[in-house]
């Protein structure tokens, strides 16, 4: 992996507006840019980064930049990962000459780990390039990827539709509502909670909250809760000696049989068979 770091916030001169530029903005958190196919460019006020597969660009906060085709223009697919404190937003852009850019479907991954701090550590290592920096960066990047994969496995995904425009402002009020819903569910999924309780906790109607969950998480409120419980059940079956009934009660099920049926639907295995398979 070849690394590029964009950290210079001081413009040397005001350049002309880049032709065919896309999604001009100033980075709020740290951003990763990776070309999966073809050749694309990321342009700042001072530099132009030509990116091909196998190269990774890390942009620190406060950098004015945009995306644009290479010269001569060619088809490319570029993936972006935006990290702001504990939040992560992931999407991809496809460019087809001469039709232009298209923002594909993406997702937001809320959580508690400060993922931006991990990116800041990577930026520091890439900037200094002292002895052992590549090994350190590899370890930090592995930690970051593992953190995001855990969020996906827990089902804490807020979906961004492909029709979203990259030039429009982020709907921060929707993000705050969904983050509150996700955090409440993660803190209380081990007991029986209802949509009305969650809605009352954050101050919105159950219908409004239900619609946002379906549109952004791609599932119902009950399915989201079930996913959290099943992921926790997998961990308990793998890492503890608790019996199936004890696990069921710890996850809010009054009847172990109900838990077993839900687990079979989720994994295709009974809890006891799942544990045997792991061991």
C-alpha atoms as a PDB file:
ATOM      1  CA  UNK A   1       0.000   0.000   0.000  1.00  0.00           C
ATOM      2  CA  UNK A   2       1.376   3.377  -1.022  1.00  0.00           C
ATOM      3  CA  UNK A   3       0.382   6.245   1.282  1.00  0.00           C
ATOM      4  CA  UNK A   4      -0.264   9.920   0.521  1.00  0.00           C
ATOM      5  CA  UNK A   5      -1.000  12.487   3.227  1.00  0.00           C
ATOM      6  CA  UNK A   6      -2.759  15.790   2.604  1.00  0.00           C
ATOM      7  CA  UNK A   7      -2.120  18.039   5.612  1.00  0.00           C
ATOM      8  CA  UNK A   8      -1.147  21.481   4.256  1.00  0.00           C
ATOM      9  CA  UNK A   9      -3.969  23.931   5.023  1.00  0.00           C
ATOM     10  CA  UNK A  10      -2.098  27.066   3.891  1.00  0.00           C
ATOM     11  CA  UNK A  11      -2.897  28.015   0.269  1.00  0.00           C
ATOM     12  CA  UNK A  12       0.028  29.311  -1.745  1.00  0.00           C
ATOM     13  CA  UNK A  13      -2.281  31.105  -4.172  1.00  0.00           C
ATOM     14  CA  UNK A  14      -5.918  31.079  -5.178  1.00  0.00           C
ATOM     15  CA  UNK A  15      -6.011  28.711  -8.174  1.00  0.00           C
ATOM     16  CA  UNK A  16      -8.600  28.682 -10.917  1.00  0.00           C
ATOM     17  CA  UNK A  17     -11.653  26.552 -10.342  1.00  0.00           C
ATOM     18  CA  UNK A  18     -10.875  22.984 -11.364  1.00  0.00           C
ATOM     19  CA  UNK A  19     -12.710  21.793 -14.491  1.00  0.00           C
ATOM     20  CA  UNK A  20     -15.195  18.947 -13.993  1.00  0.00           C
ATOM     21  CA  UNK A  21     -14.640  19.100 -10.232  1.00  0.00           C
ATOM     22  CA  UNK A  22     -16.988  17.166  -7.966  1.00  0.00           C
ATOM     23  CA  UNK A  23     -18.038  17.585  -4.336  1.00  0.00           C
ATOM     24  CA  UNK A  24     -15.922  20.607  -3.407  1.00  0.00           C
ATOM     25  CA  UNK A  25     -15.834  20.965   0.371  1.00  0.00           C
ATOM     26  CA  UNK A  26     -13.597  21.417   3.409  1.00  0.00           C
ATOM     27  CA  UNK A  27     -12.856  18.268   5.401  1.00  0.00           C
ATOM     28  CA  UNK A  28     -14.417  18.363   8.865  1.00  0.00           C
ATOM     29  CA  UNK A  29     -12.790  15.180  10.148  1.00  0.00           C
ATOM     30  CA  UNK A  30     -10.211  12.846   8.638  1.00  0.00           C
ATOM     31  CA  UNK A  31     -10.999  11.396   5.206  1.00  0.00           C
ATOM     32  CA  UNK A  32      -9.596   8.387   3.337  1.00  0.00           C
ATOM     33  CA  UNK A  33      -9.764   8.212  -0.468  1.00  0.00           C
ATOM     34  CA  UNK A  34      -9.119   4.974  -2.350  1.00  0.00           C
ATOM     35  CA  UNK A  35      -9.480   4.289  -6.074  1.00  0.00           C
ATOM     36  CA  UNK A  36     -10.743   0.755  -6.694  1.00  0.00           C
ATOM     37  CA  UNK A  37     -10.739   0.927 -10.478  1.00  0.00           C
ATOM     38  CA  UNK A  38      -9.222   3.242 -13.080  1.00  0.00           C
ATOM     39  CA  UNK A  39      -7.478   6.529 -12.279  1.00  0.00           C
ATOM     40  CA  UNK A  40      -8.930   9.497 -10.407  1.00  0.00           C
ATOM     41  CA  UNK A  41      -7.739  12.726  -8.854  1.00  0.00           C
ATOM     42  CA  UNK A  42      -8.189  14.585  -5.604  1.00  0.00           C
ATOM     43  CA  UNK A  43      -7.344  18.274  -5.888  1.00  0.00           C
ATOM     44  CA  UNK A  44      -6.600  20.735  -3.076  1.00  0.00           C
ATOM     45  CA  UNK A  45      -5.625  24.387  -3.306  1.00  0.00           C
ATOM     46  CA  UNK A  46      -1.945  23.388  -3.396  1.00  0.00           C
ATOM     47  CA  UNK A  47      -1.692  19.843  -4.711  1.00  0.00           C
ATOM     48  CA  UNK A  48      -3.157  17.316  -7.124  1.00  0.00           C
ATOM     49  CA  UNK A  49      -3.087  13.647  -6.118  1.00  0.00           C
ATOM     50  CA  UNK A  50      -3.344  11.145  -8.973  1.00  0.00           C
ATOM     51  CA  UNK A  51      -4.676   7.938  -7.455  1.00  0.00           C
ATOM     52  CA  UNK A  52      -4.705   4.399  -8.818  1.00  0.00           C
ATOM     53  CA  UNK A  53      -5.537   1.089  -7.092  1.00  0.00           C
ATOM     54  CA  UNK A  54      -3.018   0.279  -4.354  1.00  0.00           C
ATOM     55  CA  UNK A  55      -2.687   3.899  -3.187  1.00  0.00           C
ATOM     56  CA  UNK A  56      -4.423   5.458  -0.192  1.00  0.00           C
ATOM     57  CA  UNK A  57      -4.859   9.179   0.444  1.00  0.00           C
ATOM     58  CA  UNK A  58      -5.488  10.475   3.961  1.00  0.00           C
ATOM     59  CA  UNK A  59      -6.826  14.035   4.283  1.00  0.00           C
ATOM     60  CA  UNK A  60      -6.651  15.780   7.663  1.00  0.00           C
ATOM     61  CA  UNK A  61      -9.360  18.213   8.891  1.00  0.00           C
ATOM     62  CA  UNK A  62      -9.549  21.698   7.409  1.00  0.00           C
ATOM     63  CA  UNK A  63      -8.453  20.867   3.855  1.00  0.00           C
ATOM     64  CA  UNK A  64     -10.413  22.352   0.952  1.00  0.00           C
ATOM     65  CA  UNK A  65     -10.547  19.712  -1.764  1.00  0.00           C
ATOM     66  CA  UNK A  66     -12.582  18.189  -4.568  1.00  0.00           C
ATOM     67  CA  UNK A  67     -12.640  15.107  -6.754  1.00  0.00           C
ATOM     68  CA  UNK A  68     -12.022  15.182 -10.506  1.00  0.00           C
ATOM     69  CA  UNK A  69     -11.101  12.880 -13.405  1.00  0.00           C
ATOM     70  CA  UNK A  70      -7.532  12.230 -14.465  1.00  0.00           C
ATOM     71  CA  UNK A  71      -6.125  13.771 -17.635  1.00  0.00           C
ATOM     72  CA  UNK A  72      -7.171  12.382 -20.072  1.00  0.00           C
ATOM     73  CA  UNK A  73     -10.500  11.470 -18.428  1.00  0.00           C
ATOM     74  CA  UNK A  74     -11.209   7.789 -17.877  1.00  0.00           C
ATOM     75  CA  UNK A  75     -13.709   5.667 -15.980  1.00  0.00           C
ATOM     76  CA  UNK A  76     -12.929   5.207 -12.282  1.00  0.00           C
ATOM     77  CA  UNK A  77     -14.507   4.146  -9.003  1.00  0.00           C
ATOM     78  CA  UNK A  78     -13.358   5.946  -5.842  1.00  0.00           C
ATOM     79  CA  UNK A  79     -14.286   5.005  -2.290  1.00  0.00           C
ATOM     80  CA  UNK A  80     -14.413   7.575   0.517  1.00  0.00           C
ATOM     81  CA  UNK A  81     -14.353   7.045   4.287  1.00  0.00           C
ATOM     82  CA  UNK A  82     -15.176  10.126   6.388  1.00  0.00           C
ATOM     83  CA  UNK A  83     -14.344   9.947  10.108  1.00  0.00           C
ATOM     84  CA  UNK A  84     -15.659  12.521  12.547  1.00  0.00           C
ATOM     85  CA  UNK A  85     -15.121  11.693  16.213  1.00  0.00           C
ATOM     86  CA  UNK A  86     -17.057   8.447  16.801  1.00  0.00           C
ATOM     87  CA  UNK A  87     -18.942   8.533  13.489  1.00  0.00           C
ATOM     88  CA  UNK A  88     -17.959   7.023  10.153  1.00  0.00           C
ATOM     89  CA  UNK A  89     -19.535   7.707   6.772  1.00  0.00           C
ATOM     90  CA  UNK A  90     -18.675   5.533   3.772  1.00  0.00           C
ATOM     91  CA  UNK A  91     -19.664   5.985   0.135  1.00  0.00           C
ATOM     92  CA  UNK A  92     -18.320   5.600  -3.367  1.00  0.00           C
ATOM     93  CA  UNK A  93     -18.307   7.693  -6.526  1.00  0.00           C
ATOM     94  CA  UNK A  94     -18.360   6.380 -10.087  1.00  0.00           C
ATOM     95  CA  UNK A  95     -17.188   8.466 -13.044  1.00  0.00           C
ATOM     96  CA  UNK A  96     -18.064   7.625 -16.647  1.00  0.00           C
ATOM     97  CA  UNK A  97     -16.873  10.038 -19.338  1.00  0.00           C
ATOM     98  CA  UNK A  98     -18.565  12.016 -20.694  1.00  0.00           C
ATOM     99  CA  UNK A  99     -21.703  11.581 -18.541  1.00  0.00           C
ATOM    100  CA  UNK A 100     -19.976  12.610 -15.302  1.00  0.00           C
ATOM    101  CA  UNK A 101     -20.026  11.573 -11.647  1.00  0.00           C
ATOM    102  CA  UNK A 102     -22.600   9.517  -9.779  1.00  0.00           C
ATOM    103  CA  UNK A 103     -22.734   9.147  -6.016  1.00  0.00           C
ATOM    104  CA  UNK A 104     -23.472   5.533  -5.132  1.00  0.00           C
ATOM    105  CA  UNK A 105     -25.273   4.174  -2.102  1.00  0.00           C
ATOM    106  CA  UNK A 106     -23.378   4.532   1.154  1.00  0.00           C
ATOM    107  CA  UNK A 107     -23.767   4.056   4.867  1.00  0.00           C
ATOM    108  CA  UNK A 108     -23.049   5.663   8.205  1.00  0.00           C
ATOM    109  CA  UNK A 109     -21.647   3.616  11.067  1.00  0.00           C
ATOM    110  CA  UNK A 110     -22.301   5.154  14.490  1.00  0.00           C
ATOM    111  CA  UNK A 111     -20.563   3.845  17.590  1.00  0.00           C
ATOM    112  CA  UNK A 112     -18.708   4.739  20.765  1.00  0.00           C
ATOM    113  CA  UNK A 113     -15.056   4.281  19.731  1.00  0.00           C
ATOM    114  CA  UNK A 114     -13.330   7.511  18.683  1.00  0.00           C
ATOM    115  CA  UNK A 115     -12.380   6.313  15.204  1.00  0.00           C
ATOM    116  CA  UNK A 116     -11.063   9.744  14.224  1.00  0.00           C
ATOM    117  CA  UNK A 117      -8.331   9.429  16.855  1.00  0.00           C
ATOM    118  CA  UNK A 118      -7.169   6.254  15.125  1.00  0.00           C
ATOM    119  CA  UNK A 119      -6.976   8.143  11.826  1.00  0.00           C
ATOM    120  CA  UNK A 120      -5.081  10.963  13.539  1.00  0.00           C
ATOM    121  CA  UNK A 121      -2.532   8.416  14.752  1.00  0.00           C
ATOM    122  CA  UNK A 122      -2.145   7.103  11.212  1.00  0.00           C
ATOM    123  CA  UNK A 123      -1.662  10.650   9.897  1.00  0.00           C
ATOM    124  CA  UNK A 124       1.046  11.301  12.481  1.00  0.00           C
ATOM    125  CA  UNK A 125       2.924   8.136  11.537  1.00  0.00           C
ATOM    126  CA  UNK A 126       2.649   8.763   7.787  1.00  0.00           C
ATOM    127  CA  UNK A 127       3.826  12.356   8.269  1.00  0.00           C
ATOM    128  CA  UNK A 128       6.870  11.446  10.366  1.00  0.00           C
ATOM    129  CA  UNK A 129       7.816   8.218   8.561  1.00  0.00           C
ATOM    130  CA  UNK A 130      10.204   7.303  11.348  1.00  0.00           C
ATOM    131  CA  UNK A 131      11.537   3.800  12.005  1.00  0.00           C
ATOM    132  CA  UNK A 132       8.717   1.244  12.083  1.00  0.00           C
ATOM    133  CA  UNK A 133       6.056   3.625  10.787  1.00  0.00           C
ATOM    134  CA  UNK A 134       4.728   1.208   8.169  1.00  0.00           C
ATOM    135  CA  UNK A 135       4.190  -1.556  10.714  1.00  0.00           C
ATOM    136  CA  UNK A 136       2.524   0.887  13.102  1.00  0.00           C
ATOM    137  CA  UNK A 137       0.229   2.223  10.371  1.00  0.00           C
ATOM    138  CA  UNK A 138      -0.708  -1.326   9.383  1.00  0.00           C
ATOM    139  CA  UNK A 139      -1.665  -2.088  12.985  1.00  0.00           C
ATOM    140  CA  UNK A 140      -3.726   1.090  13.372  1.00  0.00           C
ATOM    141  CA  UNK A 141      -5.475   0.520  10.055  1.00  0.00           C
ATOM    142  CA  UNK A 142      -6.284  -3.071  11.047  1.00  0.00           C
ATOM    143  CA  UNK A 143      -7.741  -1.788  14.329  1.00  0.00           C
ATOM    144  CA  UNK A 144      -9.841   0.791  12.467  1.00  0.00           C
ATOM    145  CA  UNK A 145     -11.174  -1.768   9.981  1.00  0.00           C
ATOM    146  CA  UNK A 146     -12.000  -4.236  12.771  1.00  0.00           C
ATOM    147  CA  UNK A 147     -13.889  -1.517  14.670  1.00  0.00           C
ATOM    148  CA  UNK A 148     -16.014  -0.680  11.626  1.00  0.00           C
ATOM    149  CA  UNK A 149     -16.679  -4.353  10.829  1.00  0.00           C
ATOM    150  CA  UNK A 150     -17.936  -4.878  14.394  1.00  0.00           C
ATOM    151  CA  UNK A 151     -20.409  -2.029  13.889  1.00  0.00           C
ATOM    152  CA  UNK A 152     -21.669  -3.625  10.691  1.00  0.00           C
ATOM    153  CA  UNK A 153     -22.065  -6.999  12.420  1.00  0.00           C
ATOM    154  CA  UNK A 154     -24.009  -5.342  15.245  1.00  0.00           C
ATOM    155  CA  UNK A 155     -26.362  -3.874  12.666  1.00  0.00           C
ATOM    156  CA  UNK A 156     -25.684  -0.228  13.561  1.00  0.00           C
ATOM    157  CA  UNK A 157     -25.890   0.964   9.953  1.00  0.00           C
ATOM    158  CA  UNK A 158     -27.574   4.122   8.697  1.00  0.00           C
ATOM    159  CA  UNK A 159     -28.053   3.758   4.958  1.00  0.00           C
ATOM    160  CA  UNK A 160     -27.451   6.569   2.463  1.00  0.00           C
ATOM    161  CA  UNK A 161     -29.452   6.117  -0.764  1.00  0.00           C
ATOM    162  CA  UNK A 162     -27.736   6.339  -4.126  1.00  0.00           C
ATOM    163  CA  UNK A 163     -29.957   9.256  -5.110  1.00  0.00           C
ATOM    164  CA  UNK A 164     -28.379  11.480  -2.437  1.00  0.00           C
ATOM    165  CA  UNK A 165     -26.513  14.464  -3.838  1.00  0.00           C
ATOM    166  CA  UNK A 166     -22.930  14.883  -2.686  1.00  0.00           C
ATOM    167  CA  UNK A 167     -23.304  18.646  -2.916  1.00  0.00           C
ATOM    168  CA  UNK A 168     -26.154  18.938  -0.449  1.00  0.00           C
ATOM    169  CA  UNK A 169     -25.672  19.573   3.247  1.00  0.00           C
ATOM    170  CA  UNK A 170     -25.854  16.603   5.594  1.00  0.00           C
ATOM    171  CA  UNK A 171     -29.198  16.166   7.347  1.00  0.00           C
ATOM    172  CA  UNK A 172     -27.727  16.569  10.802  1.00  0.00           C
ATOM    173  CA  UNK A 173     -31.120  16.551  12.562  1.00  0.00           C
ATOM    174  CA  UNK A 174     -31.910  13.109  11.124  1.00  0.00           C
ATOM    175  CA  UNK A 175     -28.438  11.921  12.110  1.00  0.00           C
ATOM    176  CA  UNK A 176     -28.974  13.091  15.680  1.00  0.00           C
ATOM    177  CA  UNK A 177     -32.330  11.312  15.908  1.00  0.00           C
ATOM    178  CA  UNK A 178     -30.922   8.058  14.547  1.00  0.00           C
ATOM    179  CA  UNK A 179     -27.840   8.234  16.718  1.00  0.00           C
ATOM    180  CA  UNK A 180     -30.077   8.655  19.771  1.00  0.00           C
ATOM    181  CA  UNK A 181     -32.177   5.656  18.673  1.00  0.00           C
ATOM    182  CA  UNK A 182     -29.112   3.485  18.075  1.00  0.00           C
ATOM    183  CA  UNK A 183     -27.504   4.449  21.384  1.00  0.00           C
ATOM    184  CA  UNK A 184     -30.735   3.792  23.326  1.00  0.00           C
ATOM    185  CA  UNK A 185     -31.168   0.388  21.684  1.00  0.00           C
ATOM    186  CA  UNK A 186     -27.542  -0.611  22.340  1.00  0.00           C
ATOM    187  CA  UNK A 187     -27.921   0.339  26.011  1.00  0.00           C
ATOM    188  CA  UNK A 188     -31.288  -1.379  26.550  1.00  0.00           C
ATOM    189  CA  UNK A 189     -31.634  -4.304  24.112  1.00  0.00           C
ATOM    190  CA  UNK A 190     -31.114  -6.801  26.964  1.00  0.00           C
ATOM    191  CA  UNK A 191     -34.603  -6.054  28.241  1.00  0.00           C
ATOM    192  CA  UNK A 192     -38.010  -5.824  26.587  1.00  0.00           C
ATOM    193  CA  UNK A 193     -38.331  -2.344  25.097  1.00  0.00           C
ATOM    194  CA  UNK A 194     -40.972  -0.971  22.761  1.00  0.00           C
ATOM    195  CA  UNK A 195     -40.803   1.552  19.960  1.00  0.00           C
ATOM    196  CA  UNK A 196     -43.025   3.905  21.958  1.00  0.00           C
ATOM    197  CA  UNK A 197     -40.466   3.917  24.785  1.00  0.00           C
ATOM    198  CA  UNK A 198     -37.615   4.800  22.436  1.00  0.00           C
ATOM    199  CA  UNK A 199     -39.682   7.483  20.717  1.00  0.00           C
ATOM    200  CA  UNK A 200     -40.693   8.992  24.051  1.00  0.00           C
ATOM    201  CA  UNK A 201     -37.078   8.998  25.206  1.00  0.00           C
ATOM    202  CA  UNK A 202     -35.917  11.099  22.245  1.00  0.00           C
ATOM    203  CA  UNK A 203     -39.069  13.227  21.961  1.00  0.00           C
ATOM    204  CA  UNK A 204     -40.514  12.110  18.616  1.00  0.00           C
ATOM    205  CA  UNK A 205     -43.601  10.173  17.605  1.00  0.00           C
ATOM    206  CA  UNK A 206     -43.330   6.376  17.197  1.00  0.00           C
ATOM    207  CA  UNK A 207     -44.449   6.646  13.573  1.00  0.00           C
ATOM    208  CA  UNK A 208     -41.721   9.163  12.719  1.00  0.00           C
ATOM    209  CA  UNK A 209     -39.030   7.097  14.431  1.00  0.00           C
ATOM    210  CA  UNK A 210     -40.254   3.890  12.775  1.00  0.00           C
ATOM    211  CA  UNK A 211     -40.123   5.526   9.325  1.00  0.00           C
ATOM    212  CA  UNK A 212     -36.566   6.809   9.865  1.00  0.00           C
ATOM    213  CA  UNK A 213     -35.399   3.392  11.042  1.00  0.00           C
ATOM    214  CA  UNK A 214     -36.853   1.685   7.973  1.00  0.00           C
ATOM    215  CA  UNK A 215     -35.497   4.272   5.541  1.00  0.00           C
ATOM    216  CA  UNK A 216     -31.999   4.536   7.014  1.00  0.00           C
ATOM    217  CA  UNK A 217     -31.360   1.188   8.699  1.00  0.00           C
ATOM    218  CA  UNK A 218     -33.213  -0.827   6.090  1.00  0.00           C
ATOM    219  CA  UNK A 219     -35.152  -2.854   8.664  1.00  0.00           C
ATOM    220  CA  UNK A 220     -37.916  -2.550  11.238  1.00  0.00           C
ATOM    221  CA  UNK A 221     -37.373  -1.528  14.855  1.00  0.00           C
ATOM    222  CA  UNK A 222     -37.972  -5.093  16.056  1.00  0.00           C
ATOM    223  CA  UNK A 223     -35.537  -6.498  13.465  1.00  0.00           C
ATOM    224  CA  UNK A 224     -32.859  -4.046  14.609  1.00  0.00           C
ATOM    225  CA  UNK A 225     -33.336  -5.093  18.242  1.00  0.00           C
ATOM    226  CA  UNK A 226     -33.290  -8.763  17.272  1.00  0.00           C
ATOM    227  CA  UNK A 227     -30.012  -8.255  15.414  1.00  0.00           C
ATOM    228  CA  UNK A 228     -28.413  -6.683  18.478  1.00  0.00           C
ATOM    229  CA  UNK A 229     -29.591  -9.551  20.685  1.00  0.00           C
ATOM    230  CA  UNK A 230     -28.454 -12.254  18.277  1.00  0.00           C
ATOM    231  CA  UNK A 231     -24.994 -10.721  17.880  1.00  0.00           C
ATOM    232  CA  UNK A 232     -24.673 -10.585  21.667  1.00  0.00           C
ATOM    233  CA  UNK A 233     -25.894 -14.173  21.890  1.00  0.00           C
ATOM    234  CA  UNK A 234     -23.182 -15.286  19.463  1.00  0.00           C
ATOM    235  CA  UNK A 235     -20.550 -13.635  21.669  1.00  0.00           C
ATOM    236  CA  UNK A 236     -21.905 -15.251  24.849  1.00  0.00           C
ATOM    237  CA  UNK A 237     -22.083 -18.677  23.234  1.00  0.00           C
ATOM    238  CA  UNK A 238     -18.509 -18.339  22.006  1.00  0.00           C
ATOM    239  CA  UNK A 239     -16.872 -16.754  25.043  1.00  0.00           C
ATOM    240  CA  UNK A 240     -18.830 -17.913  28.104  1.00  0.00           C
ATOM    241  CA  UNK A 241     -20.016 -21.103  29.733  1.00  0.00           C
ATOM    242  CA  UNK A 242     -23.549 -19.798  30.283  1.00  0.00           C
ATOM    243  CA  UNK A 243     -26.342 -22.188  29.398  1.00  0.00           C
ATOM    244  CA  UNK A 244     -28.814 -21.446  26.617  1.00  0.00           C
ATOM    245  CA  UNK A 245     -31.576 -20.602  29.088  1.00  0.00           C
ATOM    246  CA  UNK A 246     -29.293 -18.222  31.004  1.00  0.00           C
ATOM    247  CA  UNK A 247     -28.325 -16.463  27.776  1.00  0.00           C
ATOM    248  CA  UNK A 248     -31.966 -16.184  26.767  1.00  0.00           C
ATOM    249  CA  UNK A 249     -32.943 -14.584  30.087  1.00  0.00           C
ATOM    250  CA  UNK A 250     -29.950 -12.209  29.967  1.00  0.00           C
ATOM    251  CA  UNK A 251     -31.178 -10.937  26.595  1.00  0.00           C
ATOM    252  CA  UNK A 252     -34.716 -10.242  27.738  1.00  0.00           C
ATOM    253  CA  UNK A 253     -36.424 -13.438  26.564  1.00  0.00           C
ATOM    254  CA  UNK A 254     -38.929 -14.806  29.071  1.00  0.00           C
ATOM    255  CA  UNK A 255     -38.980 -18.205  27.355  1.00  0.00           C
ATOM    256  CA  UNK A 256     -35.748 -19.923  26.189  1.00  0.00           C
ATOM    257  CA  UNK A 257     -37.728 -21.575  23.383  1.00  0.00           C
ATOM    258  CA  UNK A 258     -38.523 -18.148  21.898  1.00  0.00           C
ATOM    259  CA  UNK A 259     -34.840 -17.277  21.981  1.00  0.00           C
ATOM    260  CA  UNK A 260     -33.891 -20.566  20.305  1.00  0.00           C
ATOM    261  CA  UNK A 261     -36.378 -20.029  17.469  1.00  0.00           C
ATOM    262  CA  UNK A 262     -35.098 -16.479  16.900  1.00  0.00           C
ATOM    263  CA  UNK A 263     -31.490 -17.692  16.935  1.00  0.00           C
ATOM    264  CA  UNK A 264     -32.214 -20.416  14.379  1.00  0.00           C
ATOM    265  CA  UNK A 265     -33.866 -17.904  12.057  1.00  0.00           C
ATOM    266  CA  UNK A 266     -30.879 -15.557  12.435  1.00  0.00           C
ATOM    267  CA  UNK A 267     -27.992 -18.044  12.079  1.00  0.00           C
ATOM    268  CA  UNK A 268     -29.491 -21.227  10.660  1.00  0.00           C
ATOM    269  CA  UNK A 269     -28.223 -23.165  13.696  1.00  0.00           C
ATOM    270  CA  UNK A 270     -29.582 -23.841  17.145  1.00  0.00           C
ATOM    271  CA  UNK A 271     -27.629 -22.220  20.025  1.00  0.00           C
ATOM    272  CA  UNK A 272     -26.171 -25.574  21.088  1.00  0.00           C
ATOM    273  CA  UNK A 273     -25.165 -26.477  17.520  1.00  0.00           C
ATOM    274  CA  UNK A 274     -23.624 -23.035  17.071  1.00  0.00           C
ATOM    275  CA  UNK A 275     -21.509 -23.524  20.181  1.00  0.00           C
ATOM    276  CA  UNK A 276     -20.444 -27.024  19.080  1.00  0.00           C
ATOM    277  CA  UNK A 277     -19.513 -25.704  15.649  1.00  0.00           C
ATOM    278  CA  UNK A 278     -17.248 -23.055  17.189  1.00  0.00           C
ATOM    279  CA  UNK A 279     -15.515 -25.522  19.464  1.00  0.00           C
END
